[in-house]
Amino acid sequence: VVVAGATGELLARSPMFMDGYDGMPEATAAT
């Protein structure tokens, strides 16, 4: 985790999000 104000990749988590890519377990694991 970076400090506030620094640039990095945004990661998010929520029970509303998808449960994965259809028929693509490797792509799901990478995301």
Full PDB file with SEQRES, HELIX, SHEET, SSBOND, CRYST1, ORIGX, SCALE, CONECT and MASTER records, all heavy atoms in Angstrom:
SEQRES   1 A   31  VAL VAL VAL ALA GLY ALA THR GLY GLU LEU LEU ALA ARG          
SEQRES   2 A   31  SER PRO MET PHE MET ASP GLY TYR ASP GLY MET PRO GLU          
SEQRES   3 A   31  ALA THR ALA ALA THR                                          
HELIX    1 AA1 PRO A   25  ALA A   30  1                                   6    
CRYST1    1.000    1.000    1.000  90.00  90.00  90.00 P 1           1          
ORIGX1      1.000000  0.000000  0.000000        0.00000                         
ORIGX2      0.000000  1.000000  0.000000        0.00000                         
ORIGX3      0.000000  0.000000  1.000000        0.00000                         
SCALE1      1.000000  0.000000  0.000000        0.00000                         
SCALE2      0.000000  1.000000  0.000000        0.00000                         
SCALE3      0.000000  0.000000  1.000000        0.00000                         
ATOM      1  N   VAL A   1       0.846  -1.189   0.000  1.00  0.00           N  
ATOM      2  CA  VAL A   1       0.000   0.000   0.000  1.00  0.00           C  
ATOM      3  C   VAL A   1       0.881   1.238   0.000  1.00  0.00           C  
ATOM      4  O   VAL A   1       1.852   1.332   0.761  1.00  0.00           O  
ATOM      5  CB  VAL A   1      -0.934   0.003   1.224  1.00  0.00           C  
ATOM      6  CG1 VAL A   1      -1.750   1.299   1.271  1.00  0.00           C  
ATOM      7  CG2 VAL A   1      -1.876  -1.199   1.182  1.00  0.00           C  
ATOM      8  N   VAL A   2       0.556   2.206  -0.858  1.00  0.00           N  
ATOM      9  CA  VAL A   2       1.332   3.441  -0.933  1.00  0.00           C  
ATOM     10  C   VAL A   2       0.761   4.455   0.053  1.00  0.00           C  
ATOM     11  O   VAL A   2      -0.326   4.268   0.614  1.00  0.00           O  
ATOM     12  CB  VAL A   2       1.331   4.018  -2.363  1.00  0.00           C  
ATOM     13  CG1 VAL A   2       1.904   3.010  -3.349  1.00  0.00           C  
ATOM     14  CG2 VAL A   2      -0.080   4.429  -2.793  1.00  0.00           C  
ATOM     15  N   VAL A   3       1.481   5.539   0.251  1.00  0.00           N  
ATOM     16  CA  VAL A   3       0.993   6.600   1.136  1.00  0.00           C  
ATOM     17  C   VAL A   3      -0.034   7.440   0.394  1.00  0.00           C  
ATOM     18  O   VAL A   3      -0.075   7.458  -0.844  1.00  0.00           O  
ATOM     19  CB  VAL A   3       2.152   7.489   1.647  1.00  0.00           C  
ATOM     20  CG1 VAL A   3       3.133   6.671   2.456  1.00  0.00           C  
ATOM     21  CG2 VAL A   3       2.844   8.180   0.479  1.00  0.00           C  
ATOM     22  N   ALA A   4      -0.861   8.129   1.146  1.00  0.00           N  
ATOM     23  CA  ALA A   4      -1.862   9.010   0.552  1.00  0.00           C  
ATOM     24  C   ALA A   4      -1.199  10.017  -0.375  1.00  0.00           C  
ATOM     25  O   ALA A   4      -0.175  10.609  -0.030  1.00  0.00           O  
ATOM     26  CB  ALA A   4      -2.643   9.723   1.641  1.00  0.00           C  
ATOM     27  N   GLY A   5      -1.753  10.170  -1.563  1.00  0.00           N  
ATOM     28  CA  GLY A   5      -1.221  11.104  -2.537  1.00  0.00           C  
ATOM     29  C   GLY A   5      -0.265  10.489  -3.535  1.00  0.00           C  
ATOM     30  O   GLY A   5       0.020  11.107  -4.566  1.00  0.00           O  
ATOM     31  N   ALA A   6       0.234   9.272  -3.257  1.00  0.00           N  
ATOM     32  CA  ALA A   6       1.167   8.619  -4.174  1.00  0.00           C  
ATOM     33  C   ALA A   6       0.390   7.823  -5.231  1.00  0.00           C  
ATOM     34  O   ALA A   6      -0.725   7.367  -5.000  1.00  0.00           O  
ATOM     35  CB  ALA A   6       2.107   7.701  -3.400  1.00  0.00           C  
ATOM     36  N   THR A   7       1.021   7.653  -6.384  1.00  0.00           N  
ATOM     37  CA  THR A   7       0.385   6.942  -7.489  1.00  0.00           C  
ATOM     38  C   THR A   7       0.592   5.438  -7.366  1.00  0.00           C  
ATOM     39  O   THR A   7       1.679   4.969  -7.035  1.00  0.00           O  
ATOM     40  CB  THR A   7       0.939   7.427  -8.840  1.00  0.00           C  
ATOM     41  OG1 THR A   7       0.639   8.823  -8.997  1.00  0.00           O  
ATOM     42  CG2 THR A   7       0.338   6.654  -9.995  1.00  0.00           C  
ATOM     43  N   GLY A   8      -0.441   4.688  -7.638  1.00  0.00           N  
ATOM     44  CA  GLY A   8      -0.363   3.233  -7.656  1.00  0.00           C  
ATOM     45  C   GLY A   8      -1.604   2.657  -8.303  1.00  0.00           C  
ATOM     46  O   GLY A   8      -2.481   3.389  -8.785  1.00  0.00           O  
ATOM     47  N   GLU A   9      -1.695   1.336  -8.328  1.00  0.00           N  
ATOM     48  CA  GLU A   9      -2.869   0.693  -8.914  1.00  0.00           C  
ATOM     49  C   GLU A   9      -4.002   0.669  -7.900  1.00  0.00           C  
ATOM     50  O   GLU A   9      -3.804   0.368  -6.723  1.00  0.00           O  
ATOM     51  CB  GLU A   9      -2.554  -0.738  -9.350  1.00  0.00           C  
ATOM     52  CG  GLU A   9      -3.749  -1.420 -10.021  1.00  0.00           C  
ATOM     53  CD  GLU A   9      -3.509  -2.881 -10.375  1.00  0.00           C  
ATOM     54  OE1 GLU A   9      -2.457  -3.427  -9.967  1.00  0.00           O  
ATOM     55  OE2 GLU A   9      -4.369  -3.479 -11.052  1.00  0.00           O  
ATOM     56  N   LEU A  10      -5.200   0.966  -8.360  1.00  0.00           N  
ATOM     57  CA  LEU A  10      -6.371   0.931  -7.490  1.00  0.00           C  
ATOM     58  C   LEU A  10      -6.897  -0.488  -7.407  1.00  0.00           C  
ATOM     59  O   LEU A  10      -7.195  -1.122  -8.424  1.00  0.00           O  
ATOM     60  CB  LEU A  10      -7.454   1.874  -7.999  1.00  0.00           C  
ATOM     61  CG  LEU A  10      -8.695   2.024  -7.101  1.00  0.00           C  
ATOM     62  CD1 LEU A  10      -9.228   3.448  -7.160  1.00  0.00           C  
ATOM     63  CD2 LEU A  10      -9.798   1.048  -7.491  1.00  0.00           C  
ATOM     64  N   LEU A  11      -7.013  -0.994  -6.187  1.00  0.00           N  
ATOM     65  CA  LEU A  11      -7.636  -2.286  -5.913  1.00  0.00           C  
ATOM     66  C   LEU A  11      -8.931  -2.032  -5.154  1.00  0.00           C  
ATOM     67  O   LEU A  11      -9.001  -1.121  -4.318  1.00  0.00           O  
ATOM     68  CB  LEU A  11      -6.724  -3.184  -5.071  1.00  0.00           C  
ATOM     69  CG  LEU A  11      -5.680  -4.049  -5.799  1.00  0.00           C  
ATOM     70  CD1 LEU A  11      -4.765  -3.205  -6.663  1.00  0.00           C  
ATOM     71  CD2 LEU A  11      -4.867  -4.860  -4.795  1.00  0.00           C  
ATOM     72  N   ALA A  12      -9.958  -2.796  -5.442  1.00  0.00           N  
ATOM     73  CA  ALA A  12     -11.250  -2.597  -4.794  1.00  0.00           C  
ATOM     74  C   ALA A  12     -11.847  -3.945  -4.425  1.00  0.00           C  
ATOM     75  O   ALA A  12     -11.556  -4.976  -5.062  1.00  0.00           O  
ATOM     76  CB  ALA A  12     -12.193  -1.824  -5.711  1.00  0.00           C  
ATOM     77  N   ARG A  13     -12.707  -3.927  -3.408  1.00  0.00           N  
ATOM     78  CA  ARG A  13     -13.333  -5.172  -2.941  1.00  0.00           C  
ATOM     79  C   ARG A  13     -14.750  -4.862  -2.463  1.00  0.00           C  
ATOM     80  O   ARG A  13     -14.975  -3.893  -1.741  1.00  0.00           O  
ATOM     81  CB  ARG A  13     -12.500  -5.780  -1.816  1.00  0.00           C  
ATOM     82  CG  ARG A  13     -12.996  -7.117  -1.288  1.00  0.00           C  
ATOM     83  CD  ARG A  13     -11.952  -7.778  -0.415  1.00  0.00           C  
ATOM     84  NE  ARG A  13     -11.647  -7.000   0.792  1.00  0.00           N  
ATOM     85  CZ  ARG A  13     -10.737  -7.373   1.699  1.00  0.00           C  
ATOM     86  NH1 ARG A  13     -10.026  -8.489   1.519  1.00  0.00           N  
ATOM     87  NH2 ARG A  13     -10.515  -6.626   2.775  1.00  0.00           N  
ATOM     88  N   SER A  14     -15.706  -5.697  -2.869  1.00  0.00           N  
ATOM     89  CA  SER A  14     -17.099  -5.492  -2.473  1.00  0.00           C  
ATOM     90  C   SER A  14     -17.903  -6.745  -2.768  1.00  0.00           C  
ATOM     91  O   SER A  14     -17.632  -7.440  -3.765  1.00  0.00           O  
ATOM     92  CB  SER A  14     -17.711  -4.310  -3.236  1.00  0.00           C  
ATOM     93  OG  SER A  14     -19.101  -4.216  -2.982  1.00  0.00           O  
ATOM     94  N   PRO A  15     -18.918  -7.033  -1.952  1.00  0.00           N  
ATOM     95  CA  PRO A  15     -19.811  -8.154  -2.269  1.00  0.00           C  
ATOM     96  C   PRO A  15     -20.657  -7.896  -3.506  1.00  0.00           C  
ATOM     97  O   PRO A  15     -21.327  -8.811  -3.994  1.00  0.00           O  
ATOM     98  CB  PRO A  15     -20.689  -8.274  -1.014  1.00  0.00           C  
ATOM     99  CG  PRO A  15     -20.580  -6.965  -0.324  1.00  0.00           C  
ATOM    100  CD  PRO A  15     -19.214  -6.435  -0.639  1.00  0.00           C  
ATOM    101  N   MET A  16     -20.637  -6.658  -4.032  1.00  0.00           N  
ATOM    102  CA  MET A  16     -21.400  -6.360  -5.248  1.00  0.00           C  
ATOM    103  C   MET A  16     -20.653  -6.750  -6.519  1.00  0.00           C  
ATOM    104  O   MET A  16     -21.258  -6.813  -7.595  1.00  0.00           O  
ATOM    105  CB  MET A  16     -21.740  -4.865  -5.297  1.00  0.00           C  
ATOM    106  CG  MET A  16     -22.640  -4.391  -4.182  1.00  0.00           C  
ATOM    107  SD  MET A  16     -23.139  -2.651  -4.339  1.00  0.00           S  
ATOM    108  CE  MET A  16     -21.583  -1.806  -3.965  1.00  0.00           C  
ATOM    109  N   PHE A  17     -19.355  -6.991  -6.419  1.00  0.00           N  
ATOM    110  CA  PHE A  17     -18.550  -7.210  -7.615  1.00  0.00           C  
ATOM    111  C   PHE A  17     -18.802  -8.589  -8.231  1.00  0.00           C  
ATOM    112  O   PHE A  17     -19.399  -9.469  -7.614  1.00  0.00           O  
ATOM    113  CB  PHE A  17     -17.067  -7.066  -7.289  1.00  0.00           C  
ATOM    114  CG  PHE A  17     -16.647  -5.654  -6.945  1.00  0.00           C  
ATOM    115  CD1 PHE A  17     -15.338  -5.387  -6.583  1.00  0.00           C  
ATOM    116  CD2 PHE A  17     -17.548  -4.597  -6.968  1.00  0.00           C  
ATOM    117  CE1 PHE A  17     -14.934  -4.100  -6.254  1.00  0.00           C  
ATOM    118  CE2 PHE A  17     -17.153  -3.303  -6.636  1.00  0.00           C  
ATOM    119  CZ  PHE A  17     -15.840  -3.058  -6.284  1.00  0.00           C  
ATOM    120  N   MET A  18     -18.288  -8.769  -9.455  1.00  0.00           N  
ATOM    121  CA  MET A  18     -18.451 -10.038 -10.167  1.00  0.00           C  
ATOM    122  C   MET A  18     -17.844 -11.181  -9.369  1.00  0.00           C  
ATOM    123  O   MET A  18     -16.943 -10.985  -8.547  1.00  0.00           O  
ATOM    124  CB  MET A  18     -17.778  -9.963 -11.541  1.00  0.00           C  
ATOM    125  CG  MET A  18     -16.247  -9.972 -11.503  1.00  0.00           C  
ATOM    126  SD  MET A  18     -15.530 -10.204 -13.151  1.00  0.00           S  
ATOM    127  CE  MET A  18     -13.773 -10.364 -12.750  1.00  0.00           C  
ATOM    128  N   ASP A  19     -18.320 -12.385  -9.670  1.00  0.00           N  
ATOM    129  CA  ASP A  19     -17.716 -13.556  -9.029  1.00  0.00           C  
ATOM    130  C   ASP A  19     -16.694 -14.230  -9.923  1.00  0.00           C  
ATOM    131  O   ASP A  19     -16.256 -15.345  -9.641  1.00  0.00           O  
ATOM    132  CB  ASP A  19     -18.784 -14.548  -8.558  1.00  0.00           C  
ATOM    133  CG  ASP A  19     -19.616 -15.128  -9.694  1.00  0.00           C  
ATOM    134  OD1 ASP A  19     -19.221 -14.978 -10.871  1.00  0.00           O  
ATOM    135  OD2 ASP A  19     -20.658 -15.740  -9.400  1.00  0.00           O  
ATOM    136  N   GLY A  20     -16.300 -13.555 -11.009  1.00  0.00           N  
ATOM    137  CA  GLY A  20     -15.246 -14.068 -11.877  1.00  0.00           C  
ATOM    138  C   GLY A  20     -15.615 -13.935 -13.338  1.00  0.00           C  
ATOM    139  O   GLY A  20     -16.712 -13.491 -13.691  1.00  0.00           O  
ATOM    140  N   TYR A  21     -14.658 -14.297 -14.193  1.00  0.00           N  
ATOM    141  CA  TYR A  21     -14.908 -14.310 -15.637  1.00  0.00           C  
ATOM    142  C   TYR A  21     -15.465 -15.660 -16.049  1.00  0.00           C  
ATOM    143  O   TYR A  21     -15.011 -16.707 -15.590  1.00  0.00           O  
ATOM    144  CB  TYR A  21     -13.618 -14.028 -16.405  1.00  0.00           C  
ATOM    145  CG  TYR A  21     -13.076 -12.627 -16.225  1.00  0.00           C  
ATOM    146  CD1 TYR A  21     -11.823 -12.417 -15.659  1.00  0.00           C  
ATOM    147  CD2 TYR A  21     -13.819 -11.524 -16.623  1.00  0.00           C  
ATOM    148  CE1 TYR A  21     -11.314 -11.135 -15.496  1.00  0.00           C  
ATOM    149  CE2 TYR A  21     -13.312 -10.235 -16.458  1.00  0.00           C  
ATOM    150  CZ  TYR A  21     -12.070 -10.053 -15.899  1.00  0.00           C  
ATOM    151  OH  TYR A  21     -11.573  -8.775 -15.733  1.00  0.00           O  
ATOM    152  N   ASP A  22     -16.422 -15.631 -16.936  1.00  0.00           N  
ATOM    153  CA  ASP A  22     -17.127 -16.832 -17.343  1.00  0.00           C  
ATOM    154  C   ASP A  22     -16.204 -17.790 -18.095  1.00  0.00           C  
ATOM    155  O   ASP A  22     -15.688 -17.461 -19.159  1.00  0.00           O  
ATOM    156  CB  ASP A  22     -18.313 -16.439 -18.232  1.00  0.00           C  
ATOM    157  CG  ASP A  22     -19.360 -17.528 -18.319  1.00  0.00           C  
ATOM    158  OD1 ASP A  22     -19.752 -18.060 -17.264  1.00  0.00           O  
ATOM    159  OD2 ASP A  22     -19.803 -17.824 -19.438  1.00  0.00           O  
ATOM    160  N   GLY A  23     -15.990 -18.975 -17.513  1.00  0.00           N  
ATOM    161  CA  GLY A  23     -15.182 -19.996 -18.171  1.00  0.00           C  
ATOM    162  C   GLY A  23     -13.720 -19.649 -18.319  1.00  0.00           C  
ATOM    163  O   GLY A  23     -13.015 -20.273 -19.126  1.00  0.00           O  
ATOM    164  N   MET A  24     -13.216 -18.676 -17.547  1.00  0.00           N  
ATOM    165  CA  MET A  24     -11.818 -18.246 -17.675  1.00  0.00           C  
ATOM    166  C   MET A  24     -11.184 -18.171 -16.284  1.00  0.00           C  
ATOM    167  O   MET A  24     -10.938 -17.083 -15.742  1.00  0.00           O  
ATOM    168  CB  MET A  24     -11.735 -16.898 -18.393  1.00  0.00           C  
ATOM    169  CG  MET A  24     -12.363 -16.871 -19.761  1.00  0.00           C  
ATOM    170  SD  MET A  24     -12.272 -15.248 -20.591  1.00  0.00           S  
ATOM    171  CE  MET A  24     -10.533 -15.217 -21.073  1.00  0.00           C  
ATOM    172  N   PRO A  25     -10.900 -19.323 -15.671  1.00  0.00           N  
ATOM    173  CA  PRO A  25     -10.353 -19.305 -14.309  1.00  0.00           C  
ATOM    174  C   PRO A  25      -9.000 -18.629 -14.196  1.00  0.00           C  
ATOM    175  O   PRO A  25      -8.711 -17.983 -13.178  1.00  0.00           O  
ATOM    176  CB  PRO A  25     -10.272 -20.795 -13.945  1.00  0.00           C  
ATOM    177  CG  PRO A  25     -10.277 -21.516 -15.260  1.00  0.00           C  
ATOM    178  CD  PRO A  25     -11.105 -20.688 -16.176  1.00  0.00           C  
ATOM    179  N   GLU A  26      -8.147 -18.749 -15.211  1.00  0.00           N  
ATOM    180  CA  GLU A  26      -6.830 -18.110 -15.134  1.00  0.00           C  
ATOM    181  C   GLU A  26      -6.956 -16.592 -15.185  1.00  0.00           C  
ATOM    182  O   GLU A  26      -6.270 -15.876 -14.441  1.00  0.00           O  
ATOM    183  CB  GLU A  26      -5.937 -18.614 -16.272  1.00  0.00           C  
ATOM    184  CG  GLU A  26      -5.553 -20.094 -16.140  1.00  0.00           C  
ATOM    185  CD  GLU A  26      -4.624 -20.534 -17.243  1.00  0.00           C  
ATOM    186  OE1 GLU A  26      -4.285 -19.702 -18.118  1.00  0.00           O  
ATOM    187  OE2 GLU A  26      -4.233 -21.726 -17.240  1.00  0.00           O  
ATOM    188  N   ALA A  27      -7.832 -16.090 -16.057  1.00  0.00           N  
ATOM    189  CA  ALA A  27      -8.043 -14.644 -16.125  1.00  0.00           C  
ATOM    190  C   ALA A  27      -8.667 -14.132 -14.829  1.00  0.00           C  
ATOM    191  O   ALA A  27      -8.343 -13.040 -14.359  1.00  0.00           O  
ATOM    192  CB  ALA A  27      -8.943 -14.302 -17.312  1.00  0.00           C  
ATOM    193  N   THR A  28      -9.559 -14.931 -14.239  1.00  0.00           N  
ATOM    194  CA  THR A  28     -10.164 -14.547 -12.959  1.00  0.00           C  
ATOM    195  C   THR A  28      -9.097 -14.436 -11.884  1.00  0.00           C  
ATOM    196  O   THR A  28      -9.056 -13.452 -11.121  1.00  0.00           O  
ATOM    197  CB  THR A  28     -11.229 -15.570 -12.536  1.00  0.00           C  
ATOM    198  OG1 THR A  28     -12.264 -15.616 -13.524  1.00  0.00           O  
ATOM    199  CG2 THR A  28     -11.830 -15.213 -11.187  1.00  0.00           C  
ATOM    200  N   ALA A  29      -8.210 -15.437 -11.802  1.00  0.00           N  
ATOM    201  CA  ALA A  29      -7.158 -15.432 -10.780  1.00  0.00           C  
ATOM    202  C   ALA A  29      -6.193 -14.276 -10.977  1.00  0.00           C  
ATOM    203  O   ALA A  29      -5.622 -13.757 -10.003  1.00  0.00           O  
ATOM    204  CB  ALA A  29      -6.406 -16.757 -10.813  1.00  0.00           C  
ATOM    205  N   ALA A  30      -6.010 -13.840 -12.217  1.00  0.00           N  
ATOM    206  CA  ALA A  30      -5.104 -12.719 -12.490  1.00  0.00           C  
ATOM    207  C   ALA A  30      -5.745 -11.382 -12.144  1.00  0.00           C  
ATOM    208  O   ALA A  30      -5.044 -10.379 -11.989  1.00  0.00           O  
ATOM    209  CB  ALA A  30      -4.696 -12.730 -13.960  1.00  0.00           C  
ATOM    210  N   THR A  31      -7.060 -11.353 -12.006  1.00  0.00           N  
ATOM    211  CA  THR A  31      -7.778 -10.100 -11.753  1.00  0.00           C  
ATOM    212  C   THR A  31      -8.243  -9.990 -10.313  1.00  0.00           C  
ATOM    213  O   THR A  31      -8.229  -8.899  -9.732  1.00  0.00           O  
ATOM    214  CB  THR A  31      -8.984  -9.986 -12.705  1.00  0.00           C  
ATOM    215  OG1 THR A  31      -8.522 -10.052 -14.059  1.00  0.00           O  
ATOM    216  CG2 THR A  31      -9.738  -8.685 -12.500  1.00  0.00           C  
TER     217      THR A  31                                                      
MASTER        0    0    0    1    0    0    0    6  216    1    0    3          
END                                                                             
